Protein backbone atom coordinates (compact mmCIF):
# COMPACT_ATOMS: atom_id res chain seq x y z
CA MET A 1 15.78 -33.13 8.71
CA LYS A 2 19.30 -33.76 7.50
CA ASN A 3 20.06 -36.68 5.18
CA HIS A 4 23.34 -38.24 4.09
CA TYR A 5 24.49 -38.12 0.47
CA LEU A 6 27.34 -40.11 -1.03
CA VAL A 7 29.67 -38.10 -3.26
CA ILE A 8 31.66 -40.16 -5.78
CA SER A 9 34.64 -38.48 -7.45
CA ARG A 10 35.06 -39.61 -11.05
CA GLY A 11 37.47 -38.98 -13.89
CA LYS A 12 41.09 -38.00 -14.37
CA TRP A 13 42.93 -34.72 -14.16
CA ASP A 14 42.93 -32.59 -17.30
CA ALA A 15 46.14 -33.62 -19.08
CA THR A 16 46.54 -30.10 -20.53
CA ALA A 17 46.58 -28.50 -17.06
CA LYS A 18 49.81 -27.62 -15.30
CA GLN A 19 50.57 -29.97 -12.42
CA GLU A 20 51.18 -27.02 -10.07
CA ASP A 21 47.69 -25.63 -10.89
CA VAL A 22 46.12 -29.00 -10.15
CA GLN A 23 48.09 -29.22 -6.90
CA GLN A 24 46.80 -25.79 -5.86
CA ALA A 25 43.24 -26.99 -6.52
CA ILE A 26 43.91 -30.12 -4.47
CA ASP A 27 45.24 -27.98 -1.60
CA ARG A 28 42.14 -25.73 -1.79
CA PHE A 29 39.96 -28.87 -1.86
CA TYR A 30 41.45 -30.19 1.39
CA ALA A 31 40.99 -26.83 3.13
CA TRP A 32 37.35 -26.71 1.88
CA TYR A 33 36.72 -30.36 2.77
CA GLU A 34 38.29 -30.18 6.24
CA GLY A 35 36.30 -27.04 7.05
CA HIS A 36 33.07 -28.82 6.16
CA LEU A 37 34.12 -31.88 8.20
CA GLU A 38 34.61 -29.62 11.22
CA SER A 39 31.21 -27.93 10.69
CA GLY A 40 29.41 -31.28 10.30
CA ARG A 41 28.28 -30.57 6.73
CA MET A 42 30.47 -33.43 5.47
CA LEU A 43 31.50 -36.83 6.75
CA GLU A 44 34.87 -38.38 6.10
CA GLY A 45 35.59 -40.40 3.00
CA SER A 46 38.74 -41.48 1.25
CA ARG A 47 40.68 -41.58 -1.97
CA LEU A 48 40.79 -45.06 -3.49
CA GLN A 49 44.00 -46.89 -4.27
CA VAL A 50 44.65 -48.03 -7.84
CA ASP A 51 44.60 -51.76 -7.00
CA GLY A 52 41.38 -53.64 -6.39
CA LYS A 53 39.35 -56.78 -7.03
CA VAL A 54 35.93 -57.30 -8.59
CA VAL A 55 33.88 -59.89 -6.69
CA SER A 56 30.81 -61.45 -8.36
CA GLY A 57 28.88 -64.69 -8.39
CA SER A 58 31.29 -66.00 -11.01
CA GLY A 59 34.42 -65.38 -8.94
CA ILE A 60 37.05 -62.80 -8.11
CA THR A 61 39.01 -60.96 -10.80
CA ASP A 62 41.56 -58.17 -10.83
CA GLY A 63 40.16 -54.67 -11.13
CA PRO A 64 39.17 -51.92 -11.30
CA PHE A 65 39.31 -51.96 -15.04
CA ALA A 66 41.06 -49.13 -16.89
CA GLU A 67 38.54 -49.40 -19.72
CA ALA A 68 35.72 -48.33 -17.39
CA LYS A 69 34.03 -45.25 -18.85
CA GLU A 70 34.61 -43.15 -15.75
CA LEU A 71 37.11 -44.11 -13.09
CA VAL A 72 36.16 -43.69 -9.44
CA GLY A 73 38.92 -41.91 -7.53
CA GLY A 74 37.33 -41.48 -4.12
CA TYR A 75 34.24 -40.74 -2.06
CA TRP A 76 32.91 -38.81 0.93
CA PHE A 77 29.55 -37.88 2.39
CA ILE A 78 27.55 -34.65 2.59
CA VAL A 79 24.97 -33.96 5.29
CA ALA A 80 22.17 -31.80 3.84
CA SER A 81 18.42 -31.20 3.85
CA SER A 82 17.98 -32.07 0.17
CA LEU A 83 19.71 -33.50 -2.88
CA ASP A 84 19.78 -29.99 -4.39
CA GLU A 85 21.52 -28.61 -1.29
CA ALA A 86 24.04 -31.47 -1.35
CA ALA A 87 24.73 -30.95 -5.07
CA ALA A 88 25.19 -27.20 -4.56
CA LEU A 89 27.79 -27.87 -1.86
CA ALA A 90 29.58 -30.44 -4.04
CA ALA A 91 29.63 -27.90 -6.91
CA GLU A 92 31.96 -25.73 -4.80
CA ASN A 93 34.74 -28.36 -5.04
CA PRO A 94 37.84 -26.61 -6.48
CA CYS A 95 38.94 -29.78 -8.32
CA LEU A 96 35.99 -29.62 -10.72
CA ALA A 97 37.94 -27.06 -12.77
CA PHE A 98 40.54 -29.69 -13.66
CA GLY A 99 38.57 -32.56 -15.20
CA LEU A 100 36.92 -34.37 -12.30
CA SER A 101 33.18 -34.78 -11.97
CA LEU A 102 31.14 -35.67 -8.92
CA GLU A 103 28.11 -37.91 -8.56
CA VAL A 104 25.89 -37.08 -5.58
CA ARG A 105 23.48 -39.80 -4.46
CA PRO A 106 21.10 -39.96 -1.49
CA LEU A 107 21.64 -42.93 0.81
CA GLU A 108 18.67 -45.28 1.10
CA PRO A 109 17.99 -45.85 4.79
CA ALA A 110 15.60 -48.79 4.25
CA LYS A 111 16.75 -52.39 3.91
CA ALA A 112 16.58 -53.86 0.42
CA GLN A 113 13.40 -55.68 -0.63
CA ALA A 114 13.26 -57.68 -3.88
CA SER A 115 9.62 -56.62 -4.29
CA GLU A 116 10.49 -52.88 -4.38
CA THR A 117 12.04 -51.02 -7.32
CA SER A 118 15.69 -50.16 -6.62
CA ASN A 119 18.98 -49.69 -8.47
CA GLU A 120 19.37 -53.47 -8.65
CA THR A 121 15.89 -54.17 -10.08
CA PRO A 122 16.10 -55.78 -13.56
CA ASP A 123 14.23 -54.02 -16.38
CA ALA A 124 12.01 -57.09 -16.85
CA TRP A 125 10.79 -56.82 -13.24
CA ARG A 126 10.14 -53.08 -13.68
CA ALA A 127 7.93 -53.77 -16.69
CA GLN A 128 5.88 -56.30 -14.68
CA ALA A 129 5.28 -53.74 -11.93
CA HIS A 130 3.36 -51.41 -14.29
């Protein structure tokens, strides 16, 4: 059974790299990416623009914030049988040689339940569950 995995591109280009070398890696990335889109091993994603807003219960503020530890530059999806298979495919990305890193996360098909442990579960609730 094939599952979907979100790939999040993080970081900035290596400032010591030559721009033409980075551009060649970007060109190789798009050829690699488009080939996997055609084969069905990947689903389309997008680069993210610099501008954005952060929306929370306390309001809306400008963002994303430059002081964030790792900037998110874009995302796409991998279709694979396992997290290991998805990570191995992501590891072939030519842009990894120039400072970017990728986070690969399985998508949770179930609806959220406050009673189940998830990414949003506070530590205090986790401690009560044990």
